[in-house]
PDB file of N, CA and C in Angstrom:
ATOM      1  N   MET A   1       9.119 -19.647   4.899  1.00  0.00           N
ATOM      2  CA  MET A   1       8.334 -19.029   3.764  1.00  0.00           C
ATOM      3  C   MET A   1       8.850 -17.558   3.722  1.00  0.00           C
ATOM      4  N   SER A   2       9.096 -17.105   2.530  1.00  0.00           N
ATOM      5  CA  SER A   2       9.489 -15.743   2.275  1.00  0.00           C
ATOM      6  C   SER A   2       8.297 -14.802   2.448  1.00  0.00           C
ATOM      7  N   ASN A   3       8.663 -13.493   2.640  1.00  0.00           N
ATOM      8  CA  ASN A   3       7.571 -12.468   2.854  1.00  0.00           C
ATOM      9  C   ASN A   3       6.688 -12.454   1.569  1.00  0.00           C
ATOM     10  N   ILE A   4       7.409 -12.463   0.397  1.00  0.00           N
ATOM     11  CA  ILE A   4       6.783 -12.485  -0.864  1.00  0.00           C
ATOM     12  C   ILE A   4       5.759 -13.612  -1.063  1.00  0.00           C
ATOM     13  N   GLN A   5       6.159 -14.771  -0.654  1.00  0.00           N
ATOM     14  CA  GLN A   5       5.284 -15.930  -0.780  1.00  0.00           C
ATOM     15  C   GLN A   5       4.134 -15.825   0.155  1.00  0.00           C
ATOM     16  N   LYS A   6       4.401 -15.244   1.386  1.00  0.00           N
ATOM     17  CA  LYS A   6       3.333 -15.126   2.405  1.00  0.00           C
ATOM     18  C   LYS A   6       2.350 -14.047   1.890  1.00  0.00           C
ATOM     19  N   HIS A   7       2.815 -12.998   1.144  1.00  0.00           N
ATOM     20  CA  HIS A   7       1.835 -12.064   0.542  1.00  0.00           C
ATOM     21  C   HIS A   7       0.943 -12.693  -0.513  1.00  0.00           C
ATOM     22  N   PHE A   8       1.630 -13.478  -1.444  1.00  0.00           N
ATOM     23  CA  PHE A   8       0.956 -14.124  -2.507  1.00  0.00           C
ATOM     24  C   PHE A   8      -0.190 -15.167  -1.876  1.00  0.00           C
ATOM     25  N   ASP A   9       0.247 -15.878  -0.823  1.00  0.00           N
ATOM     26  CA  ASP A   9      -0.612 -16.792  -0.290  1.00  0.00           C
ATOM     27  C   ASP A   9      -1.838 -16.083   0.414  1.00  0.00           C
ATOM     28  N   GLU A  10      -1.596 -15.004   1.160  1.00  0.00           N
ATOM     29  CA  GLU A  10      -2.602 -14.237   1.661  1.00  0.00           C
ATOM     30  C   GLU A  10      -3.657 -13.591   0.703  1.00  0.00           C
ATOM     31  N   PHE A  11      -2.927 -13.052  -0.322  1.00  0.00           N
ATOM     32  CA  PHE A  11      -3.757 -12.401  -1.371  1.00  0.00           C
ATOM     33  C   PHE A  11      -4.613 -13.403  -2.126  1.00  0.00           C
ATOM     34  N   SER A  12      -4.094 -14.566  -2.351  1.00  0.00           N
ATOM     35  CA  SER A  12      -4.810 -15.695  -3.105  1.00  0.00           C
ATOM     36  C   SER A  12      -6.096 -15.995  -2.284  1.00  0.00           C
ATOM     37  N   GLN A  13      -5.960 -15.982  -0.926  1.00  0.00           N
ATOM     38  CA  GLN A  13      -7.201 -16.277  -0.061  1.00  0.00           C
ATOM     39  C   GLN A  13      -8.175 -15.212  -0.083  1.00  0.00           C
ATOM     40  N   SER A  14      -7.770 -13.925  -0.080  1.00  0.00           N
ATOM     41  CA  SER A  14      -8.639 -12.790   0.025  1.00  0.00           C
ATOM     42  C   SER A  14      -9.175 -12.381  -1.330  1.00  0.00           C
ATOM     43  N   ARG A  15      -8.304 -12.350  -2.362  1.00  0.00           N
ATOM     44  CA  ARG A  15      -8.686 -12.136  -3.765  1.00  0.00           C
ATOM     45  C   ARG A  15      -9.301 -10.680  -4.112  1.00  0.00           C
ATOM     46  N   ILE A  16      -9.105  -9.734  -3.162  1.00  0.00           N
ATOM     47  CA  ILE A  16      -9.537  -8.433  -3.266  1.00  0.00           C
ATOM     48  C   ILE A  16      -8.568  -7.427  -2.695  1.00  0.00           C
ATOM     49  N   SER A  17      -8.466  -6.315  -3.309  1.00  0.00           N
ATOM     50  CA  SER A  17      -7.637  -5.174  -2.575  1.00  0.00           C
ATOM     51  C   SER A  17      -8.351  -3.868  -2.955  1.00  0.00           C
ATOM     52  N   VAL A  18      -8.080  -2.882  -2.268  1.00  0.00           N
ATOM     53  CA  VAL A  18      -8.568  -1.566  -2.479  1.00  0.00           C
ATOM     54  C   VAL A  18      -7.380  -0.670  -2.933  1.00  0.00           C
ATOM     55  N   ILE A  19      -7.531   0.098  -4.001  1.00  0.00           N
ATOM     56  CA  ILE A  19      -6.632   1.073  -4.456  1.00  0.00           C
ATOM     57  C   ILE A  19      -7.257   2.385  -4.042  1.00  0.00           C
ATOM     58  N   VAL A  20      -6.450   3.150  -3.261  1.00  0.00           N
ATOM     59  CA  VAL A  20      -6.895   4.463  -2.661  1.00  0.00           C
ATOM     60  C   VAL A  20      -6.345   5.509  -3.577  1.00  0.00           C
ATOM     61  N   ARG A  21      -7.013   6.227  -4.321  1.00  0.00           N
ATOM     62  CA  ARG A  21      -6.481   7.223  -5.146  1.00  0.00           C
ATOM     63  C   ARG A  21      -7.540   8.442  -5.108  1.00  0.00           C
ATOM     64  N   THR A  22      -7.066   9.458  -4.290  1.00  0.00           N
ATOM     65  CA  THR A  22      -7.932  10.696  -4.123  1.00  0.00           C
ATOM     66  C   THR A  22      -6.970  11.812  -3.876  1.00  0.00           C
ATOM     67  N   ASN A  23      -7.480  13.044  -3.932  1.00  0.00           N
ATOM     68  CA  ASN A  23      -6.728  14.260  -3.734  1.00  0.00           C
ATOM     69  C   ASN A  23      -6.766  14.811  -2.310  1.00  0.00           C
ATOM     70  N   ASP A  24      -7.399  13.934  -1.432  1.00  0.00           N
ATOM     71  CA  ASP A  24      -7.723  14.434  -0.067  1.00  0.00           C
ATOM     72  C   ASP A  24      -7.269  13.367   1.029  1.00  0.00           C
ATOM     73  N   TYR A  25      -6.273  13.834   1.790  1.00  0.00           N
ATOM     74  CA  TYR A  25      -5.712  12.865   2.811  1.00  0.00           C
ATOM     75  C   TYR A  25      -6.785  12.336   3.740  1.00  0.00           C
ATOM     76  N   ASP A  26      -7.701  13.143   4.313  1.00  0.00           N
ATOM     77  CA  ASP A  26      -8.701  12.625   5.245  1.00  0.00           C
ATOM     78  C   ASP A  26      -9.581  11.722   4.552  1.00  0.00           C
ATOM     79  N   HIS A  27     -10.088  11.907   3.363  1.00  0.00           N
ATOM     80  CA  HIS A  27     -10.868  11.173   2.598  1.00  0.00           C
ATOM     81  C   HIS A  27     -10.176   9.707   2.388  1.00  0.00           C
ATOM     82  N   ALA A  28      -8.955   9.783   2.133  1.00  0.00           N
ATOM     83  CA  ALA A  28      -8.136   8.498   1.927  1.00  0.00           C
ATOM     84  C   ALA A  28      -8.150   7.709   3.227  1.00  0.00           C
ATOM     85  N   LEU A  29      -7.997   8.401   4.295  1.00  0.00           N
ATOM     86  CA  LEU A  29      -7.947   7.702   5.608  1.00  0.00           C
ATOM     87  C   LEU A  29      -9.379   7.023   5.914  1.00  0.00           C
ATOM     88  N   LYS A  30     -10.386   7.684   5.515  1.00  0.00           N
ATOM     89  CA  LYS A  30     -11.732   7.156   5.838  1.00  0.00           C
ATOM     90  C   LYS A  30     -11.930   5.938   4.846  1.00  0.00           C
ATOM     91  N   ILE A  31     -11.436   5.976   3.764  1.00  0.00           N
ATOM     92  CA  ILE A  31     -11.519   4.789   2.783  1.00  0.00           C
ATOM     93  C   ILE A  31     -10.843   3.656   3.369  1.00  0.00           C
ATOM     94  N   ILE A  32      -9.616   3.845   3.837  1.00  0.00           N
ATOM     95  CA  ILE A  32      -8.840   2.867   4.510  1.00  0.00           C
ATOM     96  C   ILE A  32      -9.569   2.244   5.802  1.00  0.00           C
ATOM     97  N   GLU A  33     -10.094   3.130   6.505  1.00  0.00           N
ATOM     98  CA  GLU A  33     -10.896   2.744   7.775  1.00  0.00           C
ATOM     99  C   GLU A  33     -12.054   1.853   7.357  1.00  0.00           C
ATOM    100  N   GLY A  34     -12.806   2.257   6.263  1.00  0.00           N
ATOM    101  CA  GLY A  34     -13.931   1.521   5.852  1.00  0.00           C
ATOM    102  C   GLY A  34     -13.561   0.219   5.305  1.00  0.00           C
ATOM    103  N   SER A  35     -12.469   0.215   4.571  1.00  0.00           N
ATOM    104  CA  SER A  35     -11.946  -1.090   4.001  1.00  0.00           C
ATOM    105  C   SER A  35     -11.597  -2.087   5.084  1.00  0.00           C
ATOM    106  N   ALA A  36     -10.942  -1.611   6.156  1.00  0.00           N
ATOM    107  CA  ALA A  36     -10.607  -2.454   7.278  1.00  0.00           C
ATOM    108  C   ALA A  36     -11.922  -3.043   8.021  1.00  0.00           C
ATOM    109  N   LYS A  37     -12.892  -2.167   8.253  1.00  0.00           N
ATOM    110  CA  LYS A  37     -14.091  -2.512   8.853  1.00  0.00           C
ATOM    111  C   LYS A  37     -14.828  -3.576   7.887  1.00  0.00           C
ATOM    112  N   GLY A  38     -14.643  -3.466   6.555  1.00  0.00           N
ATOM    113  CA  GLY A  38     -15.371  -4.328   5.691  1.00  0.00           C
ATOM    114  C   GLY A  38     -14.623  -5.585   5.406  1.00  0.00           C
ATOM    115  N   GLY A  39     -13.527  -5.824   6.067  1.00  0.00           N
ATOM    116  CA  GLY A  39     -12.778  -7.101   5.981  1.00  0.00           C
ATOM    117  C   GLY A  39     -11.838  -7.153   4.841  1.00  0.00           C
ATOM    118  N   ILE A  40     -11.493  -6.014   4.207  1.00  0.00           N
ATOM    119  CA  ILE A  40     -10.456  -5.992   3.225  1.00  0.00           C
ATOM    120  C   ILE A  40      -9.123  -6.098   3.898  1.00  0.00           C
ATOM    121  N   LYS A  41      -8.115  -6.812   3.373  1.00  0.00           N
ATOM    122  CA  LYS A  41      -6.912  -7.114   4.039  1.00  0.00           C
ATOM    123  C   LYS A  41      -5.760  -6.362   3.177  1.00  0.00           C
ATOM    124  N   PHE A  42      -5.938  -6.031   1.980  1.00  0.00           N
ATOM    125  CA  PHE A  42      -4.903  -5.371   1.200  1.00  0.00           C
ATOM    126  C   PHE A  42      -5.252  -3.990   0.734  1.00  0.00           C
ATOM    127  N   VAL A  43      -4.614  -2.917   0.944  1.00  0.00           N
ATOM    128  CA  VAL A  43      -4.976  -1.572   0.676  1.00  0.00           C
ATOM    129  C   VAL A  43      -3.643  -0.868   0.014  1.00  0.00           C
ATOM    130  N   GLU A  44      -3.839  -0.514  -1.215  1.00  0.00           N
ATOM    131  CA  GLU A  44      -2.747   0.168  -1.822  1.00  0.00           C
ATOM    132  C   GLU A  44      -2.999   1.652  -1.776  1.00  0.00           C
ATOM    133  N   ILE A  45      -2.082   2.440  -1.321  1.00  0.00           N
ATOM    134  CA  ILE A  45      -2.184   3.911  -1.272  1.00  0.00           C
ATOM    135  C   ILE A  45      -1.333   4.449  -2.360  1.00  0.00           C
ATOM    136  N   THR A  46      -1.893   5.158  -3.282  1.00  0.00           N
ATOM    137  CA  THR A  46      -1.048   5.675  -4.391  1.00  0.00           C
ATOM    138  C   THR A  46      -0.269   6.869  -3.928  1.00  0.00           C
ATOM    139  N   LEU A  47       0.904   7.007  -4.465  1.00  0.00           N
ATOM    140  CA  LEU A  47       1.732   8.061  -4.061  1.00  0.00           C
ATOM    141  C   LEU A  47       1.377   9.512  -4.666  1.00  0.00           C
ATOM    142  N   THR A  48       0.209   9.418  -5.422  1.00  0.00           N
ATOM    143  CA  THR A  48      -0.342  10.699  -5.924  1.00  0.00           C
ATOM    144  C   THR A  48      -1.230  11.344  -4.908  1.00  0.00           C
ATOM    145  N   ILE A  49      -1.531  10.753  -3.724  1.00  0.00           N
ATOM    146  CA  ILE A  49      -2.302  11.392  -2.727  1.00  0.00           C
ATOM    147  C   ILE A  49      -1.346  12.336  -1.974  1.00  0.00           C
ATOM    148  N   PRO A  50      -1.849  13.539  -1.657  1.00  0.00           N
ATOM    149  CA  PRO A  50      -0.993  14.469  -0.880  1.00  0.00           C
ATOM    150  C   PRO A  50      -0.552  13.807   0.403  1.00  0.00           C
ATOM    151  N   ASN A  51       0.756  13.920   0.683  1.00  0.00           N
ATOM    152  CA  ASN A  51       1.349  13.392   1.936  1.00  0.00           C
ATOM    153  C   ASN A  51       1.161  11.866   1.945  1.00  0.00           C
ATOM    154  N   ALA A  52       1.280  11.278   0.912  1.00  0.00           N
ATOM    155  CA  ALA A  52       1.097   9.790   0.848  1.00  0.00           C
ATOM    156  C   ALA A  52       1.832   9.027   1.681  1.00  0.00           C
ATOM    157  N   LEU A  53       3.149   9.319   1.887  1.00  0.00           N
ATOM    158  CA  LEU A  53       4.083   8.638   2.758  1.00  0.00           C
ATOM    159  C   LEU A  53       3.657   8.676   4.238  1.00  0.00           C
ATOM    160  N   GLN A  54       3.168   9.878   4.573  1.00  0.00           N
ATOM    161  CA  GLN A  54       2.640  10.135   6.013  1.00  0.00           C
ATOM    162  C   GLN A  54       1.450   9.210   6.127  1.00  0.00           C
ATOM    163  N   LEU A  55       0.603   9.194   5.146  1.00  0.00           N
ATOM    164  CA  LEU A  55      -0.658   8.407   5.104  1.00  0.00           C
ATOM    165  C   LEU A  55      -0.222   6.877   5.291  1.00  0.00           C
ATOM    166  N   ILE A  56       0.731   6.546   4.627  1.00  0.00           N
ATOM    167  CA  ILE A  56       1.131   4.951   4.680  1.00  0.00           C
ATOM    168  C   ILE A  56       1.599   4.744   6.110  1.00  0.00           C
ATOM    169  N   LYS A  57       2.355   5.692   6.727  1.00  0.00           N
ATOM    170  CA  LYS A  57       2.849   5.486   8.094  1.00  0.00           C
ATOM    171  C   LYS A  57       1.662   5.450   9.053  1.00  0.00           C
ATOM    172  N   GLU A  58       0.671   6.387   8.839  1.00  0.00           N
ATOM    173  CA  GLU A  58      -0.362   6.399   9.846  1.00  0.00           C
ATOM    174  C   GLU A  58      -1.243   5.157   9.661  1.00  0.00           C
ATOM    175  N   ALA A  59      -1.476   4.744   8.433  1.00  0.00           N
ATOM    176  CA  ALA A  59      -2.344   3.634   8.149  1.00  0.00           C
ATOM    177  C   ALA A  59      -1.753   2.361   8.707  1.00  0.00           C
ATOM    178  N   THR A  60      -0.416   2.248   8.591  1.00  0.00           N
ATOM    179  CA  THR A  60       0.154   1.008   9.169  1.00  0.00           C
ATOM    180  C   THR A  60       0.112   0.924  10.679  1.00  0.00           C
ATOM    181  N   THR A  61       0.066   2.118  11.312  1.00  0.00           N
ATOM    182  CA  THR A  61      -0.024   2.141  12.787  1.00  0.00           C
ATOM    183  C   THR A  61      -1.462   1.944  13.174  1.00  0.00           C
ATOM    184  N   LYS A  62      -2.387   2.611  12.524  1.00  0.00           N
ATOM    185  CA  LYS A  62      -3.847   2.481  12.916  1.00  0.00           C
ATOM    186  C   LYS A  62      -4.433   1.083  12.560  1.00  0.00           C
ATOM    187  N   PHE A  63      -3.946   0.488  11.562  1.00  0.00           N
ATOM    188  CA  PHE A  63      -4.557  -0.608  10.927  1.00  0.00           C
ATOM    189  C   PHE A  63      -3.400  -1.768  10.776  1.00  0.00           C
ATOM    190  N   PRO A  64      -2.862  -2.309  11.762  1.00  0.00           N
ATOM    191  CA  PRO A  64      -1.806  -3.307  11.599  1.00  0.00           C
ATOM    192  C   PRO A  64      -2.236  -4.613  11.042  1.00  0.00           C
ATOM    193  N   GLU A  65      -3.539  -4.793  10.978  1.00  0.00           N
ATOM    194  CA  GLU A  65      -4.034  -6.054  10.457  1.00  0.00           C
ATOM    195  C   GLU A  65      -4.070  -5.945   8.906  1.00  0.00           C
ATOM    196  N   LEU A  66      -3.886  -4.777   8.327  1.00  0.00           N
ATOM    197  CA  LEU A  66      -3.869  -4.609   6.940  1.00  0.00           C
ATOM    198  C   LEU A  66      -2.487  -4.761   6.232  1.00  0.00           C
ATOM    199  N   ALA A  67      -2.431  -5.197   5.091  1.00  0.00           N
ATOM    200  CA  ALA A  67      -1.197  -5.130   4.257  1.00  0.00           C
ATOM    201  C   ALA A  67      -1.309  -3.837   3.486  1.00  0.00           C
ATOM    202  N   ILE A  68      -0.471  -2.891   3.825  1.00  0.00           N
ATOM    203  CA  ILE A  68      -0.535  -1.519   3.189  1.00  0.00           C
ATOM    204  C   ILE A  68       0.516  -1.407   2.152  1.00  0.00           C
ATOM    205  N   GLY A  69       0.097  -1.241   0.952  1.00  0.00           N
ATOM    206  CA  GLY A  69       0.990  -1.084  -0.232  1.00  0.00           C
ATOM    207  C   GLY A  69       1.107   0.340  -0.721  1.00  0.00           C
ATOM    208  N   ALA A  70       2.166   0.573  -1.452  1.00  0.00           N
ATOM    209  CA  ALA A  70       2.403   1.946  -1.986  1.00  0.00           C
ATOM    210  C   ALA A  70       2.143   1.741  -3.613  1.00  0.00           C
ATOM    211  N   GLY A  71       1.451   2.534  -4.239  1.00  0.00           N
ATOM    212  CA  GLY A  71       1.183   2.457  -5.572  1.00  0.00           C
ATOM    213  C   GLY A  71       1.644   3.702  -6.305  1.00  0.00           C
ATOM    214  N   THR A  72       1.744   3.564  -7.583  1.00  0.00           N
ATOM    215  CA  THR A  72       2.278   4.594  -8.485  1.00  0.00           C
ATOM    216  C   THR A  72       3.825   4.854  -8.090  1.00  0.00           C
ATOM    217  N   VAL A  73       4.498   3.809  -7.798  1.00  0.00           N
ATOM    218  CA  VAL A  73       5.865   3.890  -7.483  1.00  0.00           C
ATOM    219  C   VAL A  73       6.625   4.069  -8.833  1.00  0.00           C
ATOM    220  N   MET A  74       7.357   5.170  -9.002  1.00  0.00           N
ATOM    221  CA  MET A  74       7.899   5.441 -10.233  1.00  0.00           C
ATOM    222  C   MET A  74       9.557   5.478 -10.232  1.00  0.00           C
ATOM    223  N   SER A  75      10.005   5.397  -9.077  1.00  0.00           N
ATOM    224  CA  SER A  75      11.499   5.373  -9.049  1.00  0.00           C
ATOM    225  C   SER A  75      12.022   4.631  -7.798  1.00  0.00           C
ATOM    226  N   ILE A  76      13.357   4.408  -7.721  1.00  0.00           N
ATOM    227  CA  ILE A  76      13.974   3.698  -6.559  1.00  0.00           C
ATOM    228  C   ILE A  76      13.736   4.598  -5.358  1.00  0.00           C
ATOM    229  N   ASP A  77      13.831   5.804  -5.495  1.00  0.00           N
ATOM    230  CA  ASP A  77      13.658   6.806  -4.333  1.00  0.00           C
ATOM    231  C   ASP A  77      12.187   6.630  -3.752  1.00  0.00           C
ATOM    232  N   ASP A  78      11.188   6.608  -4.640  1.00  0.00           N
ATOM    233  CA  ASP A  78       9.856   6.390  -4.261  1.00  0.00           C
ATOM    234  C   ASP A  78       9.722   4.974  -3.520  1.00  0.00           C
ATOM    235  N   ALA A  79      10.311   3.979  -3.980  1.00  0.00           N
ATOM    236  CA  ALA A  79      10.298   2.646  -3.455  1.00  0.00           C
ATOM    237  C   ALA A  79      10.892   2.670  -2.049  1.00  0.00           C
ATOM    238  N   LYS A  80      12.110   3.302  -1.914  1.00  0.00           N
ATOM    239  CA  LYS A  80      12.768   3.232  -0.632  1.00  0.00           C
ATOM    240  C   LYS A  80      11.948   4.101   0.461  1.00  0.00           C
ATOM    241  N   LYS A  81      11.465   5.155   0.066  1.00  0.00           N
ATOM    242  CA  LYS A  81      10.667   6.087   1.003  1.00  0.00           C
ATOM    243  C   LYS A  81       9.354   5.395   1.435  1.00  0.00           C
ATOM    244  N   SER A  82       8.808   4.633   0.452  1.00  0.00           N
ATOM    245  CA  SER A  82       7.560   3.884   0.742  1.00  0.00           C
ATOM    246  C   SER A  82       7.750   2.841   1.723  1.00  0.00           C
ATOM    247  N   LEU A  83       8.807   2.047   1.609  1.00  0.00           N
ATOM    248  CA  LEU A  83       9.165   0.999   2.419  1.00  0.00           C
ATOM    249  C   LEU A  83       9.519   1.573   3.848  1.00  0.00           C
ATOM    250  N   GLU A  84      10.223   2.654   3.880  1.00  0.00           N
ATOM    251  CA  GLU A  84      10.710   3.261   5.076  1.00  0.00           C
ATOM    252  C   GLU A  84       9.337   3.740   5.846  1.00  0.00           C
ATOM    253  N   ALA A  85       8.305   4.109   5.147  1.00  0.00           N
ATOM    254  CA  ALA A  85       6.963   4.689   5.692  1.00  0.00           C
ATOM    255  C   ALA A  85       6.239   3.425   6.258  1.00  0.00           C
ATOM    256  N   GLY A  86       6.594   2.241   5.822  1.00  0.00           N
ATOM    257  CA  GLY A  86       5.849   1.041   6.363  1.00  0.00           C
ATOM    258  C   GLY A  86       5.163   0.179   5.323  1.00  0.00           C
ATOM    259  N   ALA A  87       5.219   0.595   3.997  1.00  0.00           N
ATOM    260  CA  ALA A  87       4.540  -0.223   2.996  1.00  0.00           C
ATOM    261  C   ALA A  87       5.133  -1.609   2.995  1.00  0.00           C
ATOM    262  N   THR A  88       4.233  -2.623   2.860  1.00  0.00           N
ATOM    263  CA  THR A  88       4.684  -4.000   2.799  1.00  0.00           C
ATOM    264  C   THR A  88       4.680  -4.512   1.385  1.00  0.00           C
ATOM    265  N   TYR A  89       4.297  -3.786   0.425  1.00  0.00           N
ATOM    266  CA  TYR A  89       4.400  -4.134  -1.039  1.00  0.00           C
ATOM    267  C   TYR A  89       4.338  -2.834  -1.872  1.00  0.00           C
ATOM    268  N   LEU A  90       4.770  -3.000  -3.140  1.00  0.00           N
ATOM    269  CA  LEU A  90       4.965  -1.877  -4.040  1.00  0.00           C
ATOM    270  C   LEU A  90       4.197  -2.204  -5.288  1.00  0.00           C
ATOM    271  N   VAL A  91       3.579  -1.331  -5.982  1.00  0.00           N
ATOM    272  CA  VAL A  91       2.903  -1.436  -7.195  1.00  0.00           C
ATOM    273  C   VAL A  91       3.406  -0.198  -8.100  1.00  0.00           C
ATOM    274  N   SER A  92       3.925  -0.534  -9.274  1.00  0.00           N
ATOM    275  CA  SER A  92       4.307   0.349 -10.221  1.00  0.00           C
ATOM    276  C   SER A  92       3.733   0.249 -11.785  1.00  0.00           C
ATOM    277  N   PRO A  93       3.294   1.399 -12.208  1.00  0.00           N
ATOM    278  CA  PRO A  93       2.662   1.383 -13.574  1.00  0.00           C
ATOM    279  C   PRO A  93       3.733   1.258 -14.686  1.00  0.00           C
ATOM    280  N   ILE A  94       5.040   1.186 -14.315  1.00  0.00           N
ATOM    281  CA  ILE A  94       6.121   1.060 -15.286  1.00  0.00           C
ATOM    282  C   ILE A  94       6.992  -0.184 -15.035  1.00  0.00           C
ATOM    283  N   CYS A  95       7.696  -0.666 -15.998  1.00  0.00           N
ATOM    284  CA  CYS A  95       8.537  -1.796 -15.852  1.00  0.00           C
ATOM    285  C   CYS A  95       9.952  -1.266 -15.704  1.00  0.00           C
ATOM    286  N   ASP A  96      10.452  -1.196 -14.486  1.00  0.00           N
ATOM    287  CA  ASP A  96      11.926  -0.682 -14.329  1.00  0.00           C
ATOM    288  C   ASP A  96      12.561  -1.808 -13.559  1.00  0.00           C
ATOM    289  N   LEU A  97      13.544  -2.454 -14.198  1.00  0.00           N
ATOM    290  CA  LEU A  97      14.294  -3.512 -13.686  1.00  0.00           C
ATOM    291  C   LEU A  97      14.897  -3.138 -12.296  1.00  0.00           C
ATOM    292  N   GLU A  98      15.289  -1.981 -12.039  1.00  0.00           N
ATOM    293  CA  GLU A  98      15.816  -1.581 -10.859  1.00  0.00           C
ATOM    294  C   GLU A  98      14.831  -1.777  -9.702  1.00  0.00           C
ATOM    295  N   LEU A  99      13.604  -1.456 -10.000  1.00  0.00           N
ATOM    296  CA  LEU A  99      12.530  -1.471  -8.948  1.00  0.00           C
ATOM    297  C   LEU A  99      12.217  -2.995  -8.688  1.00  0.00           C
ATOM    298  N   LEU A 100      12.516  -3.910  -9.546  1.00  0.00           N
ATOM    299  CA  LEU A 100      12.297  -5.315  -9.214  1.00  0.00           C
ATOM    300  C   LEU A 100      13.302  -5.803  -8.274  1.00  0.00           C
ATOM    301  N   LYS A 101      14.435  -5.272  -8.179  1.00  0.00           N
ATOM    302  CA  LYS A 101      15.426  -5.812  -7.330  1.00  0.00           C
ATOM    303  C   LYS A 101      15.118  -5.374  -5.868  1.00  0.00           C
TER     304      LYS A 101
END
């Protein structure tokens, strides 16, 4: 089974995700922690959060049971950096065929 299919299967079972969008790193981390405690399995961290890539890295380390995604991905560079930081999925508000590859 591919990683993409695995994510679809897991998401179809949980049917809920949290989108973290704030201007405060510590607040974002508290939201992620609360989500994990509440049984949420999918957390999207928007790249609009200050130091979002570091937050993705920290969240994937502290909460390995979560599928941590990067949101507001606007470029290939954003996508690469997000994946390098540990994001397991990407969300973009634009349709860029290069991002889909």
